[in-house]
Amino acid sequence: MTSDLEKRVFAHNNLPKGWTKQFRPWILVYSEVFTNKADALKREKALKSHQGREFIRKEIISKQQGILKNARGAIIRQMPDIGSSPVPATKNAGF
């Protein structure tokens, strides 16, 4: 969860250490926008559950188009442009 998605992806791809370093490069394939922190945390928790991971596999990964390979040869799928979000993003959502 973040209030600055571009900065978060940049950090995953550029910080000198951390768990995400070994899986670079990171490519954003899906995001959701929430108007408040409580709803965002609730959704994040749901996505980390067994049912949430099934949703990711069935609704996100399986519908992706175009396959890219990262430097380590792992397959990365890239989502097609899905247009604008139904909920407008705000610069500062209070978190």
C-alpha atoms as a PDB file:
ATOM      1  CA  MET A   1       0.000   0.000   0.000  1.00  0.00           C
ATOM      2  CA  THR A   2       1.274   3.440  -0.875  1.00  0.00           C
ATOM      3  CA  SER A   3       0.083   6.966  -1.561  1.00  0.00           C
ATOM      4  CA  ASP A   4       2.779   7.389  -4.246  1.00  0.00           C
ATOM      5  CA  LEU A   5       2.808   4.389  -6.569  1.00  0.00           C
ATOM      6  CA  GLU A   6       5.473   5.725  -8.921  1.00  0.00           C
ATOM      7  CA  LYS A   7       7.856   6.311  -6.002  1.00  0.00           C
ATOM      8  CA  ARG A   8       7.148   2.821  -4.609  1.00  0.00           C
ATOM      9  CA  VAL A   9       7.957   1.055  -7.897  1.00  0.00           C
ATOM     10  CA  PHE A  10      11.084   3.209  -8.311  1.00  0.00           C
ATOM     11  CA  ALA A  11      12.233   2.217  -4.813  1.00  0.00           C
ATOM     12  CA  HIS A  12      11.711  -1.503  -5.506  1.00  0.00           C
ATOM     13  CA  ASN A  13      13.820  -1.212  -8.652  1.00  0.00           C
ATOM     14  CA  ASN A  14      16.566   1.095  -7.358  1.00  0.00           C
ATOM     15  CA  LEU A  15      17.228   0.753  -3.624  1.00  0.00           C
ATOM     16  CA  PRO A  16      20.570  -0.974  -2.964  1.00  0.00           C
ATOM     17  CA  LYS A  17      19.220  -3.686  -0.629  1.00  0.00           C
ATOM     18  CA  GLY A  18      16.069  -5.395   0.510  1.00  0.00           C
ATOM     19  CA  TRP A  19      13.961  -8.462  -0.218  1.00  0.00           C
ATOM     20  CA  THR A  20      12.638  -7.119  -3.530  1.00  0.00           C
ATOM     21  CA  LYS A  21      16.153  -6.561  -4.942  1.00  0.00           C
ATOM     22  CA  GLN A  22      16.578 -10.184  -6.047  1.00  0.00           C
ATOM     23  CA  PHE A  23      13.453 -10.098  -8.250  1.00  0.00           C
ATOM     24  CA  ARG A  24      14.221  -6.994 -10.310  1.00  0.00           C
ATOM     25  CA  PRO A  25      13.043  -5.450 -12.501  1.00  0.00           C
ATOM     26  CA  TRP A  26       9.560  -4.890 -11.102  1.00  0.00           C
ATOM     27  CA  ILE A  27       6.845  -3.921 -13.568  1.00  0.00           C
ATOM     28  CA  LEU A  28       3.479  -2.682 -12.371  1.00  0.00           C
ATOM     29  CA  VAL A  29       0.721  -4.814 -13.860  1.00  0.00           C
ATOM     30  CA  TYR A  30      -2.260  -3.988 -11.630  1.00  0.00           C
ATOM     31  CA  SER A  31      -3.291  -1.392  -9.069  1.00  0.00           C
ATOM     32  CA  GLU A  32      -6.367  -0.308  -7.181  1.00  0.00           C
ATOM     33  CA  VAL A  33      -7.175   3.132  -5.786  1.00  0.00           C
ATOM     34  CA  PHE A  34      -8.956   3.737  -2.479  1.00  0.00           C
ATOM     35  CA  THR A  35     -10.182   6.968  -0.940  1.00  0.00           C
ATOM     36  CA  ASN A  36      -9.170   6.010   2.601  1.00  0.00           C
ATOM     37  CA  LYS A  37      -6.460   4.020   4.342  1.00  0.00           C
ATOM     38  CA  ALA A  38      -8.816   1.630   6.153  1.00  0.00           C
ATOM     39  CA  ASP A  39     -10.318   0.330   2.898  1.00  0.00           C
ATOM     40  CA  ALA A  40      -6.861   0.022   1.313  1.00  0.00           C
ATOM     41  CA  LEU A  41      -5.531  -2.020   4.253  1.00  0.00           C
ATOM     42  CA  LYS A  42      -8.615  -4.251   4.201  1.00  0.00           C
ATOM     43  CA  ARG A  43      -8.128  -4.965   0.480  1.00  0.00           C
ATOM     44  CA  GLU A  44      -4.389  -5.572   0.919  1.00  0.00           C
ATOM     45  CA  LYS A  45      -5.107  -8.113   3.657  1.00  0.00           C
ATOM     46  CA  ALA A  46      -7.735  -9.816   1.477  1.00  0.00           C
ATOM     47  CA  LEU A  47      -5.328 -10.097  -1.465  1.00  0.00           C
ATOM     48  CA  LYS A  48      -2.760 -11.793   0.770  1.00  0.00           C
ATOM     49  CA  SER A  49      -5.256 -14.496   1.777  1.00  0.00           C
ATOM     50  CA  HIS A  50      -5.707 -17.786  -0.089  1.00  0.00           C
ATOM     51  CA  GLN A  51      -8.810 -16.454  -1.873  1.00  0.00           C
ATOM     52  CA  GLY A  52      -7.005 -13.225  -2.706  1.00  0.00           C
ATOM     53  CA  ARG A  53      -4.116 -15.108  -4.275  1.00  0.00           C
ATOM     54  CA  GLU A  54      -6.611 -17.134  -6.334  1.00  0.00           C
ATOM     55  CA  PHE A  55      -8.131 -13.836  -7.541  1.00  0.00           C
ATOM     56  CA  ILE A  56      -4.665 -12.664  -8.564  1.00  0.00           C
ATOM     57  CA  ARG A  57      -3.987 -15.876 -10.473  1.00  0.00           C
ATOM     58  CA  LYS A  58      -7.378 -16.046 -12.209  1.00  0.00           C
ATOM     59  CA  GLU A  59      -8.309 -12.410 -12.767  1.00  0.00           C
ATOM     60  CA  ILE A  60      -4.976 -10.674 -13.181  1.00  0.00           C
ATOM     61  CA  ILE A  61      -2.265 -13.064 -14.324  1.00  0.00           C
ATOM     62  CA  SER A  62      -4.470 -15.157 -16.615  1.00  0.00           C
ATOM     63  CA  LYS A  63      -5.779 -12.067 -18.424  1.00  0.00           C
ATOM     64  CA  GLN A  64      -2.417 -10.492 -19.082  1.00  0.00           C
ATOM     65  CA  GLN A  65      -1.116  -9.956 -22.564  1.00  0.00           C
ATOM     66  CA  GLY A  66       2.444  -9.661 -23.779  1.00  0.00           C
ATOM     67  CA  ILE A  67       5.288 -11.488 -22.100  1.00  0.00           C
ATOM     68  CA  LEU A  68       8.523  -9.777 -21.173  1.00  0.00           C
ATOM     69  CA  LYS A  69      11.651 -11.392 -19.789  1.00  0.00           C
ATOM     70  CA  ASN A  70      13.637  -9.752 -17.046  1.00  0.00           C
ATOM     71  CA  ALA A  71      17.407  -9.931 -16.756  1.00  0.00           C
ATOM     72  CA  ARG A  72      17.264 -13.250 -14.880  1.00  0.00           C
ATOM     73  CA  GLY A  73      15.029 -14.869 -17.516  1.00  0.00           C
ATOM     74  CA  ALA A  74      11.920 -15.005 -15.339  1.00  0.00           C
ATOM     75  CA  ILE A  75       8.673 -14.477 -17.198  1.00  0.00           C
ATOM     76  CA  ILE A  76       6.886 -11.231 -16.430  1.00  0.00           C
ATOM     77  CA  ARG A  77       3.459 -10.619 -17.856  1.00  0.00           C
ATOM     78  CA  GLN A  78       2.397  -7.071 -18.679  1.00  0.00           C
ATOM     79  CA  MET A  79      -1.232  -5.936 -18.364  1.00  0.00           C
ATOM     80  CA  PRO A  80      -2.766  -4.114 -21.301  1.00  0.00           C
ATOM     81  CA  ASP A  81      -3.808  -0.528 -20.696  1.00  0.00           C
ATOM     82  CA  ILE A  82      -7.074  -0.821 -18.776  1.00  0.00           C
ATOM     83  CA  GLY A  83      -7.945   2.866 -18.830  1.00  0.00           C
ATOM     84  CA  SER A  84      -8.605   5.167 -15.944  1.00  0.00           C
ATOM     85  CA  SER A  85      -9.620   4.097 -12.475  1.00  0.00           C
ATOM     86  CA  PRO A  86     -13.246   4.606 -11.430  1.00  0.00           C
ATOM     87  CA  VAL A  87     -12.062   6.294  -8.230  1.00  0.00           C
ATOM     88  CA  PRO A  88      -9.874   9.373  -8.710  1.00  0.00           C
ATOM     89  CA  ALA A  89      -6.467   9.177  -7.073  1.00  0.00           C
ATOM     90  CA  THR A  90      -5.408  11.916  -4.694  1.00  0.00           C
ATOM     91  CA  LYS A  91      -1.884  13.171  -4.059  1.00  0.00           C
ATOM     92  CA  ASN A  92      -2.300  12.862  -0.301  1.00  0.00           C
ATOM     93  CA  ALA A  93      -4.886  10.387   0.929  1.00  0.00           C
ATOM     94  CA  GLY A  94      -3.856  10.946   4.533  1.00  0.00           C
ATOM     95  CA  PHE A  95      -1.350   8.104   4.770  1.00  0.00           C
END
